[in-house]
Amino acid sequence: MLPNDPAMLLSYINMKLRDQYDSLERLCDDLDISKSEIVEKLKTIDYIYDNEKNQFKSLKKFKNWITQKNSKHSKMSKNIKSI
């Protein structure tokens, strides 16, 4: 049985993905659970699945990373235009 609490579910799913499964699809198939239910439940705590890393990651951290990248790019563009 899966944990009901989203934070506990996050920990459980990421541990399983790290230790036993190479994809969320295989985990869900093997445990006979709904991928969409897992994804939706973890979205409620702002976590999204990263296919490349095979883990759920914080959407807030991802948004911050994108913002930082865009900020650096914007600063570089301004510096180039001033040359």
C-alpha atoms as a PDB file:
ATOM      1  CA  MET A   1       0.000   0.000   0.000  1.00  0.00           C
ATOM      2  CA  LEU A   2       1.243   3.472  -0.901  1.00  0.00           C
ATOM      3  CA  PRO A   3       1.617   6.262   1.645  1.00  0.00           C
ATOM      4  CA  ASN A   4      -1.341   8.644   1.653  1.00  0.00           C
ATOM      5  CA  ASP A   5       0.638  11.702   2.695  1.00  0.00           C
ATOM      6  CA  PRO A   6       2.178  13.394  -0.397  1.00  0.00           C
ATOM      7  CA  ALA A   7       5.547  14.042   1.295  1.00  0.00           C
ATOM      8  CA  MET A   8       5.820  10.419   2.394  1.00  0.00           C
ATOM      9  CA  LEU A   9       4.722   9.284  -1.067  1.00  0.00           C
ATOM     10  CA  LEU A  10       7.456  11.431  -2.614  1.00  0.00           C
ATOM     11  CA  SER A  11      10.091   9.828  -0.438  1.00  0.00           C
ATOM     12  CA  TYR A  12       8.786   6.325  -1.106  1.00  0.00           C
ATOM     13  CA  ILE A  13       8.519   6.744  -4.887  1.00  0.00           C
ATOM     14  CA  ASN A  14      11.922   8.428  -5.273  1.00  0.00           C
ATOM     15  CA  MET A  15      13.539   5.692  -3.173  1.00  0.00           C
ATOM     16  CA  LYS A  16      11.958   2.998  -5.356  1.00  0.00           C
ATOM     17  CA  LEU A  17      13.019   4.824  -8.525  1.00  0.00           C
ATOM     18  CA  ARG A  18      16.571   5.192  -7.244  1.00  0.00           C
ATOM     19  CA  ASP A  19      16.981   1.650  -5.936  1.00  0.00           C
ATOM     20  CA  GLN A  20      14.779  -0.610  -8.038  1.00  0.00           C
ATOM     21  CA  TYR A  21      13.294   0.915 -11.190  1.00  0.00           C
ATOM     22  CA  ASP A  22      14.685   2.623 -14.248  1.00  0.00           C
ATOM     23  CA  SER A  23      11.451   4.469 -15.017  1.00  0.00           C
ATOM     24  CA  LEU A  24       8.229   5.613 -13.441  1.00  0.00           C
ATOM     25  CA  GLU A  25       6.308   3.511 -15.959  1.00  0.00           C
ATOM     26  CA  ARG A  26       8.030   0.301 -14.858  1.00  0.00           C
ATOM     27  CA  LEU A  27       7.475   1.106 -11.198  1.00  0.00           C
ATOM     28  CA  CYS A  28       3.767   1.723 -11.811  1.00  0.00           C
ATOM     29  CA  ASP A  29       3.385  -1.408 -13.930  1.00  0.00           C
ATOM     30  CA  ASP A  30       5.166  -3.585 -11.402  1.00  0.00           C
ATOM     31  CA  LEU A  31       3.270  -2.211  -8.393  1.00  0.00           C
ATOM     32  CA  ASP A  32      -0.003  -2.030 -10.338  1.00  0.00           C
ATOM     33  CA  ILE A  33      -0.529   1.636  -9.514  1.00  0.00           C
ATOM     34  CA  SER A  34      -1.738   4.543 -11.610  1.00  0.00           C
ATOM     35  CA  LYS A  35       1.003   6.780 -12.954  1.00  0.00           C
ATOM     36  CA  SER A  36      -1.418   9.672 -13.326  1.00  0.00           C
ATOM     37  CA  GLU A  37      -2.514   9.374  -9.685  1.00  0.00           C
ATOM     38  CA  ILE A  38       1.096   9.512  -8.505  1.00  0.00           C
ATOM     39  CA  VAL A  39       1.930  12.460 -10.757  1.00  0.00           C
ATOM     40  CA  GLU A  40      -1.188  14.391  -9.749  1.00  0.00           C
ATOM     41  CA  LYS A  41      -0.733  13.748  -6.032  1.00  0.00           C
ATOM     42  CA  LEU A  42       2.887  14.908  -6.139  1.00  0.00           C
ATOM     43  CA  LYS A  43       1.909  18.000  -8.124  1.00  0.00           C
ATOM     44  CA  THR A  44      -0.082  19.061  -5.056  1.00  0.00           C
ATOM     45  CA  ILE A  45       3.250  19.593  -3.270  1.00  0.00           C
ATOM     46  CA  ASP A  46       4.895  21.112  -6.378  1.00  0.00           C
ATOM     47  CA  TYR A  47       6.924  18.119  -7.521  1.00  0.00           C
ATOM     48  CA  ILE A  48       7.239  16.982 -11.118  1.00  0.00           C
ATOM     49  CA  TYR A  49       8.785  13.883 -12.647  1.00  0.00           C
ATOM     50  CA  ASP A  50      12.142  14.345 -14.374  1.00  0.00           C
ATOM     51  CA  ASN A  51      12.548  11.588 -16.987  1.00  0.00           C
ATOM     52  CA  GLU A  52      16.278  12.172 -17.387  1.00  0.00           C
ATOM     53  CA  LYS A  53      17.003  11.911 -13.665  1.00  0.00           C
ATOM     54  CA  ASN A  54      14.284   9.317 -13.039  1.00  0.00           C
ATOM     55  CA  GLN A  55      13.034  11.125  -9.962  1.00  0.00           C
ATOM     56  CA  PHE A  56      10.488  13.637  -8.811  1.00  0.00           C
ATOM     57  CA  LYS A  57      11.963  17.098  -8.364  1.00  0.00           C
ATOM     58  CA  SER A  58      10.769  20.329  -6.849  1.00  0.00           C
ATOM     59  CA  LEU A  59       8.972  22.514  -9.354  1.00  0.00           C
ATOM     60  CA  LYS A  60       9.963  25.573  -7.310  1.00  0.00           C
ATOM     61  CA  LYS A  61      13.665  24.722  -7.639  1.00  0.00           C
ATOM     62  CA  PHE A  62      13.214  24.170 -11.362  1.00  0.00           C
ATOM     63  CA  LYS A  63      11.466  27.535 -11.746  1.00  0.00           C
ATOM     64  CA  ASN A  64      14.254  29.241  -9.772  1.00  0.00           C
ATOM     65  CA  TRP A  65      16.880  27.597 -11.966  1.00  0.00           C
ATOM     66  CA  ILE A  66      15.106  28.794 -15.137  1.00  0.00           C
ATOM     67  CA  THR A  67      14.776  32.302 -13.706  1.00  0.00           C
ATOM     68  CA  GLN A  68      18.487  32.390 -12.893  1.00  0.00           C
ATOM     69  CA  LYS A  69      19.412  31.156 -16.369  1.00  0.00           C
ATOM     70  CA  ASN A  70      17.175  33.768 -17.989  1.00  0.00           C
ATOM     71  CA  SER A  71      18.611  36.489 -15.769  1.00  0.00           C
ATOM     72  CA  LYS A  72      22.187  35.561 -16.673  1.00  0.00           C
ATOM     73  CA  HIS A  73      21.265  35.416 -20.355  1.00  0.00           C
ATOM     74  CA  SER A  74      19.602  38.823 -20.158  1.00  0.00           C
ATOM     75  CA  LYS A  75      22.663  40.356 -18.476  1.00  0.00           C
ATOM     76  CA  MET A  76      24.948  38.843 -21.115  1.00  0.00           C
ATOM     77  CA  SER A  77      22.760  40.225 -23.903  1.00  0.00           C
ATOM     78  CA  LYS A  78      22.897  43.709 -22.398  1.00  0.00           C
ATOM     79  CA  ASN A  79      26.685  43.502 -22.097  1.00  0.00           C
ATOM     80  CA  ILE A  80      27.033  42.383 -25.716  1.00  0.00           C
ATOM     81  CA  LYS A  81      24.758  45.188 -26.956  1.00  0.00           C
ATOM     82  CA  SER A  82      26.856  47.774 -25.126  1.00  0.00           C
ATOM     83  CA  ILE A  83      30.034  46.676 -26.920  1.00  0.00           C
END
